[in-house]
N, C-alpha and C. Protein backbone atom coordinates (compact mmCIF):
# COMPACT_ATOMS: atom_id res chain seq x y z
N MET A 1 138.59 36.62 109.62
CA MET A 1 138.31 35.25 109.32
C MET A 1 138.95 34.38 110.39
N LEU A 2 138.27 33.40 110.88
CA LEU A 2 138.79 32.47 111.87
C LEU A 2 139.54 31.35 111.17
N ALA A 3 140.32 30.61 111.93
CA ALA A 3 141.05 29.50 111.35
C ALA A 3 140.07 28.58 110.62
N GLN A 4 140.30 28.36 109.36
CA GLN A 4 139.37 27.59 108.54
C GLN A 4 139.62 26.10 108.71
N ASP A 5 138.55 25.35 108.72
CA ASP A 5 138.60 23.90 108.78
C ASP A 5 139.42 23.39 109.96
N ARG A 6 139.41 24.11 111.04
CA ARG A 6 140.12 23.71 112.25
C ARG A 6 139.16 23.85 113.43
N SER A 7 139.47 23.15 114.53
CA SER A 7 138.62 23.31 115.70
C SER A 7 138.80 24.71 116.27
N PHE A 8 137.75 25.24 116.86
CA PHE A 8 137.80 26.60 117.40
C PHE A 8 136.91 26.67 118.61
N ARG A 9 137.41 27.29 119.66
CA ARG A 9 136.62 27.45 120.87
C ARG A 9 136.97 28.81 121.44
N ILE A 10 135.97 29.54 121.85
CA ILE A 10 136.20 30.83 122.49
C ILE A 10 135.31 30.91 123.73
N SER A 11 135.82 31.55 124.76
CA SER A 11 135.08 31.67 126.01
C SER A 11 133.75 32.37 125.77
N LYS A 12 132.72 31.92 126.45
CA LYS A 12 131.40 32.55 126.33
C LYS A 12 131.28 33.75 127.28
N ALA A 13 132.28 33.96 128.11
CA ALA A 13 132.22 35.06 129.08
C ALA A 13 132.17 36.40 128.36
N ILE A 14 131.18 37.18 128.69
CA ILE A 14 130.97 38.46 128.03
C ILE A 14 132.16 39.40 128.21
N VAL A 15 132.90 39.27 129.29
CA VAL A 15 134.03 40.15 129.55
C VAL A 15 135.08 40.07 128.46
N PHE A 16 135.16 38.97 127.73
CA PHE A 16 136.18 38.80 126.69
C PHE A 16 135.69 39.23 125.31
N ARG A 17 134.44 39.67 125.20
CA ARG A 17 133.92 40.07 123.90
C ARG A 17 134.21 41.53 123.64
N GLY A 18 134.53 41.84 122.39
CA GLY A 18 134.83 43.21 122.03
C GLY A 18 135.02 43.34 120.53
N SER A 19 135.63 44.42 120.12
CA SER A 19 135.80 44.68 118.69
C SER A 19 137.28 44.65 118.30
N PHE A 20 138.03 43.74 118.91
CA PHE A 20 139.45 43.60 118.64
C PHE A 20 139.77 42.18 118.20
N TYR A 21 140.99 41.98 117.68
CA TYR A 21 141.38 40.64 117.25
C TYR A 21 142.87 40.40 117.52
N LEU A 22 143.22 39.14 117.60
CA LEU A 22 144.60 38.69 117.61
C LEU A 22 144.76 37.73 116.43
N GLY A 23 145.90 37.75 115.81
CA GLY A 23 146.09 36.84 114.68
C GLY A 23 147.52 36.80 114.21
N GLY A 24 147.81 35.77 113.48
CA GLY A 24 149.10 35.60 112.82
C GLY A 24 148.86 35.74 111.33
N ASP A 25 149.19 36.90 110.80
CA ASP A 25 148.91 37.21 109.40
C ASP A 25 150.14 37.00 108.53
N MET A 26 149.89 36.86 107.22
CA MET A 26 150.94 36.79 106.22
C MET A 26 151.64 38.14 106.17
N PRO A 27 152.90 38.17 105.74
CA PRO A 27 153.56 39.47 105.57
C PRO A 27 152.88 40.27 104.47
N ILE A 28 152.83 41.58 104.65
CA ILE A 28 152.21 42.44 103.64
C ILE A 28 153.00 42.36 102.34
N ASP A 29 154.32 42.36 102.43
CA ASP A 29 155.19 42.24 101.26
C ASP A 29 156.11 41.05 101.48
N PRO A 30 155.77 39.87 100.93
CA PRO A 30 156.56 38.66 101.20
C PRO A 30 158.00 38.74 100.69
N VAL A 31 158.28 39.65 99.78
CA VAL A 31 159.63 39.79 99.25
C VAL A 31 160.52 40.63 100.18
N ASP A 32 159.90 41.51 100.95
CA ASP A 32 160.63 42.40 101.86
C ASP A 32 160.86 41.71 103.19
N PRO A 33 162.11 41.39 103.55
CA PRO A 33 162.36 40.68 104.82
C PRO A 33 162.00 41.48 106.06
N SER A 34 161.82 42.81 105.94
CA SER A 34 161.46 43.61 107.11
C SER A 34 159.94 43.68 107.30
N SER A 35 159.15 43.13 106.37
CA SER A 35 157.69 43.13 106.50
C SER A 35 157.28 42.16 107.61
N PRO A 36 156.45 42.62 108.57
CA PRO A 36 156.06 41.74 109.68
C PRO A 36 155.39 40.45 109.21
N ASP A 37 155.79 39.35 109.80
CA ASP A 37 155.25 38.03 109.46
C ASP A 37 154.80 37.38 110.77
N GLY A 38 153.48 37.30 111.00
CA GLY A 38 152.97 36.79 112.27
C GLY A 38 152.55 35.34 112.24
N ARG A 39 152.87 34.63 111.16
CA ARG A 39 152.43 33.24 111.03
C ARG A 39 153.07 32.33 112.07
N ALA A 40 152.34 31.26 112.42
CA ALA A 40 152.87 30.23 113.31
C ALA A 40 153.92 29.43 112.53
N ARG A 41 155.03 29.16 113.18
CA ARG A 41 156.12 28.45 112.52
C ARG A 41 156.69 27.37 113.43
N VAL A 42 157.19 26.32 112.81
CA VAL A 42 157.94 25.28 113.49
C VAL A 42 159.22 25.11 112.70
N LEU A 43 160.35 25.23 113.37
CA LEU A 43 161.66 25.17 112.73
C LEU A 43 161.74 26.12 111.54
N ASN A 44 161.20 27.32 111.76
CA ASN A 44 161.18 28.44 110.81
C ASN A 44 160.37 28.17 109.54
N GLN A 45 159.47 27.21 109.58
CA GLN A 45 158.59 26.93 108.45
C GLN A 45 157.14 27.08 108.91
N PRO A 46 156.28 27.74 108.11
CA PRO A 46 154.86 27.84 108.49
C PRO A 46 154.29 26.45 108.77
N ALA A 47 153.48 26.34 109.81
CA ALA A 47 152.99 25.03 110.23
C ALA A 47 151.66 25.13 110.95
N VAL A 48 150.99 24.00 111.08
CA VAL A 48 149.78 23.91 111.90
C VAL A 48 150.25 23.83 113.36
N VAL A 49 149.78 24.79 114.15
CA VAL A 49 150.17 24.91 115.55
C VAL A 49 148.91 25.20 116.35
N ARG A 50 148.86 24.68 117.55
CA ARG A 50 147.74 24.99 118.45
C ARG A 50 148.05 26.32 119.13
N ILE A 51 147.09 27.24 119.07
CA ILE A 51 147.24 28.57 119.67
C ILE A 51 146.25 28.67 120.82
N ARG A 52 146.76 28.96 122.01
CA ARG A 52 145.89 29.17 123.17
C ARG A 52 146.07 30.60 123.63
N ILE A 53 144.95 31.27 123.86
CA ILE A 53 144.99 32.66 124.30
C ILE A 53 144.40 32.74 125.71
N LEU A 54 145.19 33.29 126.62
CA LEU A 54 144.78 33.45 128.01
C LEU A 54 144.67 34.93 128.32
N GLU A 55 143.61 35.30 129.05
CA GLU A 55 143.50 36.67 129.52
C GLU A 55 144.53 36.81 130.64
N ARG A 56 145.40 37.79 130.52
CA ARG A 56 146.56 37.85 131.39
C ARG A 56 146.23 38.03 132.86
N ARG A 57 145.29 38.86 133.20
CA ARG A 57 144.99 39.16 134.61
C ARG A 57 144.45 37.95 135.35
N THR A 58 143.53 37.21 134.74
CA THR A 58 142.89 36.08 135.41
C THR A 58 143.42 34.72 134.97
N MET A 59 144.20 34.70 133.88
CA MET A 59 144.69 33.46 133.26
C MET A 59 143.56 32.60 132.71
N ALA A 60 142.39 33.19 132.49
CA ALA A 60 141.26 32.46 131.92
C ALA A 60 141.52 32.16 130.45
N LEU A 61 141.15 30.96 130.02
CA LEU A 61 141.27 30.59 128.62
C LEU A 61 140.22 31.35 127.82
N VAL A 62 140.66 32.13 126.85
CA VAL A 62 139.76 32.91 126.01
C VAL A 62 139.50 32.20 124.70
N ALA A 63 140.54 31.61 124.11
CA ALA A 63 140.37 30.92 122.82
C ALA A 63 141.41 29.83 122.68
N ASP A 64 141.05 28.82 121.90
CA ASP A 64 141.92 27.69 121.59
C ASP A 64 141.69 27.38 120.12
N VAL A 65 142.67 27.69 119.27
CA VAL A 65 142.51 27.49 117.82
C VAL A 65 143.71 26.75 117.26
N ARG A 66 143.58 26.26 116.06
CA ARG A 66 144.70 25.71 115.32
C ARG A 66 144.94 26.60 114.12
N SER A 67 146.20 26.84 113.84
CA SER A 67 146.52 27.66 112.67
C SER A 67 146.24 26.86 111.41
N ASN A 68 146.12 27.58 110.31
CA ASN A 68 145.98 26.95 109.00
C ASN A 68 147.33 26.38 108.58
N PRO A 69 147.36 25.52 107.57
CA PRO A 69 148.65 24.95 107.13
C PRO A 69 149.68 26.01 106.73
N ASP A 70 149.22 27.20 106.31
CA ASP A 70 150.18 28.26 105.96
C ASP A 70 150.62 29.06 107.18
N GLY A 71 150.20 28.64 108.38
CA GLY A 71 150.60 29.28 109.62
C GLY A 71 149.73 30.45 110.05
N THR A 72 148.76 30.86 109.24
CA THR A 72 147.91 31.98 109.61
C THR A 72 146.84 31.53 110.61
N TRP A 73 146.43 32.46 111.45
CA TRP A 73 145.37 32.20 112.42
C TRP A 73 144.79 33.54 112.84
N ARG A 74 143.58 33.48 113.41
CA ARG A 74 142.92 34.72 113.82
C ARG A 74 141.82 34.41 114.81
N VAL A 75 141.71 35.25 115.84
CA VAL A 75 140.62 35.19 116.81
C VAL A 75 140.03 36.59 116.87
N GLU A 76 138.77 36.70 116.53
CA GLU A 76 138.10 37.99 116.43
C GLU A 76 137.13 38.22 117.58
N ARG A 77 136.74 39.49 117.71
CA ARG A 77 135.71 39.93 118.65
C ARG A 77 136.10 39.66 120.10
N ILE A 78 137.33 40.05 120.43
CA ILE A 78 137.79 39.92 121.81
C ILE A 78 137.98 41.32 122.40
N ALA A 79 138.09 41.38 123.71
CA ALA A 79 138.22 42.65 124.43
C ALA A 79 139.63 43.22 124.31
N ASP A 80 139.73 44.52 124.49
CA ASP A 80 141.01 45.21 124.46
C ASP A 80 141.66 45.15 125.84
N VAL A 81 142.19 43.98 126.17
CA VAL A 81 142.92 43.76 127.42
C VAL A 81 144.21 43.03 127.06
N GLU A 82 145.08 42.81 128.04
CA GLU A 82 146.33 42.11 127.77
C GLU A 82 146.13 40.59 127.81
N TYR A 83 146.84 39.92 126.90
CA TYR A 83 146.74 38.47 126.76
C TYR A 83 148.12 37.82 126.80
N ILE A 84 148.11 36.53 127.07
CA ILE A 84 149.27 35.67 126.87
C ILE A 84 148.90 34.75 125.72
N VAL A 85 149.76 34.67 124.72
CA VAL A 85 149.50 33.82 123.55
C VAL A 85 150.53 32.70 123.56
N LEU A 86 150.02 31.46 123.57
CA LEU A 86 150.87 30.27 123.56
C LEU A 86 150.77 29.59 122.20
N GLY A 87 151.90 29.28 121.61
CA GLY A 87 151.94 28.49 120.38
C GLY A 87 152.50 27.13 120.72
N LEU A 88 151.72 26.08 120.52
CA LEU A 88 152.12 24.73 120.93
C LEU A 88 152.25 23.82 119.72
N ASP A 89 153.42 23.25 119.54
CA ASP A 89 153.65 22.26 118.47
C ASP A 89 153.20 20.91 119.00
N GLU A 90 152.02 20.49 118.59
CA GLU A 90 151.46 19.24 119.13
C GLU A 90 152.24 18.01 118.69
N ALA A 91 153.06 18.14 117.65
CA ALA A 91 153.89 17.01 117.22
C ALA A 91 155.12 16.85 118.11
N GLY A 92 155.39 17.86 118.96
CA GLY A 92 156.48 17.76 119.91
C GLY A 92 157.87 17.99 119.33
N ARG A 93 157.97 18.67 118.20
CA ARG A 93 159.28 18.92 117.60
C ARG A 93 160.03 20.05 118.29
N VAL A 94 159.29 21.02 118.84
CA VAL A 94 159.92 22.17 119.51
C VAL A 94 159.12 22.53 120.75
N ASN A 95 159.74 23.30 121.65
CA ASN A 95 159.05 23.79 122.83
C ASN A 95 158.02 24.84 122.45
N ALA A 96 157.13 25.12 123.37
CA ALA A 96 156.11 26.14 123.15
C ALA A 96 156.74 27.51 122.97
N ALA A 97 156.08 28.33 122.18
CA ALA A 97 156.46 29.74 122.04
C ALA A 97 155.44 30.54 122.83
N ILE A 98 155.90 31.50 123.62
CA ILE A 98 155.02 32.27 124.49
C ILE A 98 155.25 33.75 124.26
N GLN A 99 154.16 34.47 124.04
CA GLN A 99 154.20 35.93 123.94
C GLN A 99 153.37 36.47 125.09
N ASP A 100 153.95 37.34 125.88
CA ASP A 100 153.29 37.91 127.04
C ASP A 100 152.97 39.39 126.79
N TRP A 101 151.99 39.91 127.50
CA TRP A 101 151.58 41.31 127.42
C TRP A 101 151.14 41.69 126.00
N VAL A 102 150.43 40.81 125.34
CA VAL A 102 149.99 41.05 123.96
C VAL A 102 148.68 41.83 123.98
N ARG A 103 148.63 42.92 123.22
CA ARG A 103 147.41 43.72 123.06
C ARG A 103 146.83 43.43 121.69
N PRO A 104 145.50 43.25 121.60
CA PRO A 104 144.87 42.98 120.31
C PRO A 104 144.79 44.24 119.45
N ALA A 105 144.57 44.04 118.17
CA ALA A 105 144.40 45.14 117.22
C ALA A 105 142.91 45.38 117.00
N PRO A 106 142.53 46.62 116.68
CA PRO A 106 141.11 46.88 116.39
C PRO A 106 140.72 46.22 115.08
N MET A 107 139.49 45.67 115.04
CA MET A 107 138.98 45.08 113.81
C MET A 107 138.58 46.20 112.85
N VAL A 108 138.93 46.04 111.59
CA VAL A 108 138.55 47.03 110.56
C VAL A 108 137.25 46.57 109.96
N ARG A 109 136.31 47.49 109.82
CA ARG A 109 135.00 47.13 109.30
C ARG A 109 134.95 47.20 107.82
């Protein structure tokens, strides 16, 4: 599922299309502190954040999305290559968060 009720743009370049996804998901077990939590956060609270995904080799913009209010976001049908993921707090409360060398996960059918 893509970010709901938010603007979404993905590159039309065929090279970026595939059967993989990147996303910030809710923890599988919210009670377990060791459960991975990929949501976008500002000052450690889930928040609406602008997410920009760049293909690492060319630095081409692949997607530009906004997370949902609960911090979840997802970009589907991208290629299995390395990306840079930028999380930008458009309200300017904190600096950008950057993840480099990010590999997407395969989409489950």
